[in-house]
């Protein structure tokens, strides 16, 4: 009985860990994409102001 409960708990912890890892990777990719977009927008507006 104890070994079955222990295995289920390990499986549960592994699934939660994998889900948290996927969420963290998606969050990092989303934030990186937002930073790249804002940097690109800042550079283009800065160059336009320099050319005026």
N, C-alpha and C. Protein backbone atom coordinates (compact mmCIF):
# COMPACT_ATOMS: atom_id res chain seq x y z
N UNK A 1 0.83 -1.20 0.00
CA UNK A 1 0.00 0.00 0.00
C UNK A 1 0.87 1.25 0.00
N UNK A 2 1.92 1.23 0.80
CA UNK A 2 2.78 2.42 0.89
C UNK A 2 3.50 2.67 -0.42
N UNK A 3 3.96 1.60 -1.08
CA UNK A 3 4.71 1.78 -2.33
C UNK A 3 3.81 2.31 -3.44
N UNK A 4 2.55 1.90 -3.48
CA UNK A 4 1.62 2.40 -4.50
C UNK A 4 1.37 3.89 -4.28
N UNK A 5 1.15 4.28 -3.03
CA UNK A 5 0.91 5.69 -2.73
C UNK A 5 2.17 6.50 -3.03
N UNK A 6 3.33 5.97 -2.72
CA UNK A 6 4.59 6.67 -2.97
C UNK A 6 4.80 6.87 -4.46
N UNK A 7 4.51 5.85 -5.27
CA UNK A 7 4.67 5.97 -6.72
C UNK A 7 3.69 6.97 -7.31
N UNK A 8 2.45 6.99 -6.82
CA UNK A 8 1.48 7.96 -7.30
C UNK A 8 1.90 9.38 -6.95
N UNK A 9 2.48 9.55 -5.77
CA UNK A 9 2.93 10.87 -5.36
C UNK A 9 4.11 11.32 -6.23
N UNK A 10 5.02 10.40 -6.54
CA UNK A 10 6.14 10.74 -7.43
C UNK A 10 5.64 11.12 -8.81
N UNK A 11 4.68 10.37 -9.33
CA UNK A 11 4.11 10.68 -10.64
C UNK A 11 3.43 12.03 -10.61
N UNK A 12 2.69 12.31 -9.56
CA UNK A 12 1.99 13.59 -9.41
C UNK A 12 3.01 14.73 -9.37
N UNK A 13 4.07 14.57 -8.60
CA UNK A 13 5.10 15.61 -8.51
C UNK A 13 5.81 15.80 -9.85
N UNK A 14 6.04 14.72 -10.57
CA UNK A 14 6.69 14.82 -11.88
C UNK A 14 5.80 15.56 -12.88
N UNK A 15 4.52 15.28 -12.87
CA UNK A 15 3.59 15.96 -13.79
C UNK A 15 3.53 17.44 -13.46
N UNK A 16 3.45 17.78 -12.19
CA UNK A 16 3.41 19.19 -11.79
C UNK A 16 4.71 19.89 -12.19
N UNK A 17 5.83 19.22 -12.00
CA UNK A 17 7.12 19.80 -12.39
C UNK A 17 7.20 20.05 -13.88
N UNK A 18 6.73 19.11 -14.68
CA UNK A 18 6.75 19.28 -16.14
C UNK A 18 5.84 20.43 -16.56
N UNK A 19 4.66 20.51 -15.98
CA UNK A 19 3.74 21.60 -16.31
C UNK A 19 4.35 22.95 -15.94
N UNK A 20 4.96 23.04 -14.76
CA UNK A 20 5.60 24.29 -14.35
C UNK A 20 6.76 24.65 -15.28
N UNK A 21 7.52 23.66 -15.72
CA UNK A 21 8.63 23.91 -16.64
C UNK A 21 8.12 24.43 -17.98
N UNK A 22 7.05 23.85 -18.50
CA UNK A 22 6.48 24.31 -19.77
C UNK A 22 5.98 25.74 -19.63
N UNK A 23 5.29 26.05 -18.52
CA UNK A 23 4.79 27.41 -18.30
C UNK A 23 5.95 28.39 -18.20
N UNK A 24 7.02 28.02 -17.52
CA UNK A 24 8.18 28.90 -17.38
C UNK A 24 8.84 29.16 -18.74
N UNK A 25 8.97 28.13 -19.56
CA UNK A 25 9.58 28.30 -20.88
C UNK A 25 8.71 29.20 -21.75
N UNK A 26 7.39 29.00 -21.73
CA UNK A 26 6.50 29.86 -22.51
C UNK A 26 6.57 31.30 -22.04
N UNK A 27 6.65 31.51 -20.72
CA UNK A 27 6.73 32.86 -20.17
C UNK A 27 8.03 33.54 -20.61
N UNK A 28 9.14 32.81 -20.56
CA UNK A 28 10.43 33.38 -20.96
C UNK A 28 10.41 33.73 -22.45
N UNK A 29 9.85 32.86 -23.28
CA UNK A 29 9.77 33.15 -24.71
C UNK A 29 8.88 34.36 -24.98
N UNK A 30 7.75 34.46 -24.25
CA UNK A 30 6.84 35.59 -24.43
C UNK A 30 7.51 36.90 -24.02
N UNK A 31 8.19 36.91 -22.88
CA UNK A 31 8.85 38.12 -22.41
C UNK A 31 10.00 38.50 -23.34
N UNK A 32 10.74 37.53 -23.84
CA UNK A 32 11.82 37.80 -24.77
C UNK A 32 11.30 38.41 -26.06
N UNK A 33 10.19 37.89 -26.56
CA UNK A 33 9.60 38.42 -27.78
C UNK A 33 9.12 39.85 -27.55
N UNK A 34 8.52 40.12 -26.40
CA UNK A 34 8.06 41.47 -26.10
C UNK A 34 9.24 42.43 -26.00
N UNK A 35 10.34 41.99 -25.41
CA UNK A 35 11.51 42.86 -25.29
C UNK A 35 12.12 43.14 -26.66
N UNK A 36 12.16 42.14 -27.53
CA UNK A 36 12.70 42.35 -28.87
C UNK A 36 11.82 43.33 -29.64
N UNK A 37 10.50 43.18 -29.54
CA UNK A 37 9.59 44.09 -30.24
C UNK A 37 9.74 45.52 -29.73
N UNK A 38 9.80 45.70 -28.42
CA UNK A 38 9.92 47.05 -27.87
C UNK A 38 11.27 47.66 -28.23
N UNK A 39 12.32 46.87 -28.24
CA UNK A 39 13.64 47.38 -28.62
C UNK A 39 13.65 47.80 -30.08
N UNK A 40 13.05 46.99 -30.94
CA UNK A 40 12.98 47.32 -32.37
C UNK A 40 12.19 48.61 -32.57
N UNK A 41 11.07 48.75 -31.86
CA UNK A 41 10.25 49.96 -31.98
C UNK A 41 11.01 51.18 -31.46
N UNK A 42 11.72 51.04 -30.36
CA UNK A 42 12.49 52.15 -29.80
C UNK A 42 13.59 52.58 -30.76
N UNK A 43 14.29 51.62 -31.34
CA UNK A 43 15.38 51.96 -32.26
C UNK A 43 14.86 52.68 -33.50
N UNK A 44 13.74 52.21 -34.04
CA UNK A 44 13.21 52.85 -35.25
C UNK A 44 12.74 54.27 -34.95
N UNK A 45 12.10 54.49 -33.80
CA UNK A 45 11.66 55.85 -33.46
C UNK A 45 12.86 56.73 -33.14
N UNK A 46 13.89 56.18 -32.52
CA UNK A 46 15.09 56.96 -32.19
C UNK A 46 15.82 57.38 -33.46
N UNK A 47 15.92 56.48 -34.42
CA UNK A 47 16.59 56.81 -35.69
C UNK A 47 15.79 57.86 -36.45
N UNK A 48 14.46 57.75 -36.43
CA UNK A 48 13.63 58.76 -37.10
C UNK A 48 13.82 60.13 -36.47
N UNK A 49 13.94 60.19 -35.14
CA UNK A 49 14.15 61.48 -34.47
C UNK A 49 15.52 62.04 -34.80
N UNK A 50 16.51 61.19 -34.96
CA UNK A 50 17.85 61.67 -35.31
C UNK A 50 17.89 62.23 -36.73
N UNK A 51 17.11 61.64 -37.61
CA UNK A 51 17.12 62.08 -39.01
C UNK A 51 16.34 63.37 -39.23
N UNK A 52 15.49 63.76 -38.28
CA UNK A 52 14.70 64.99 -38.43
C UNK A 52 15.54 66.22 -38.21
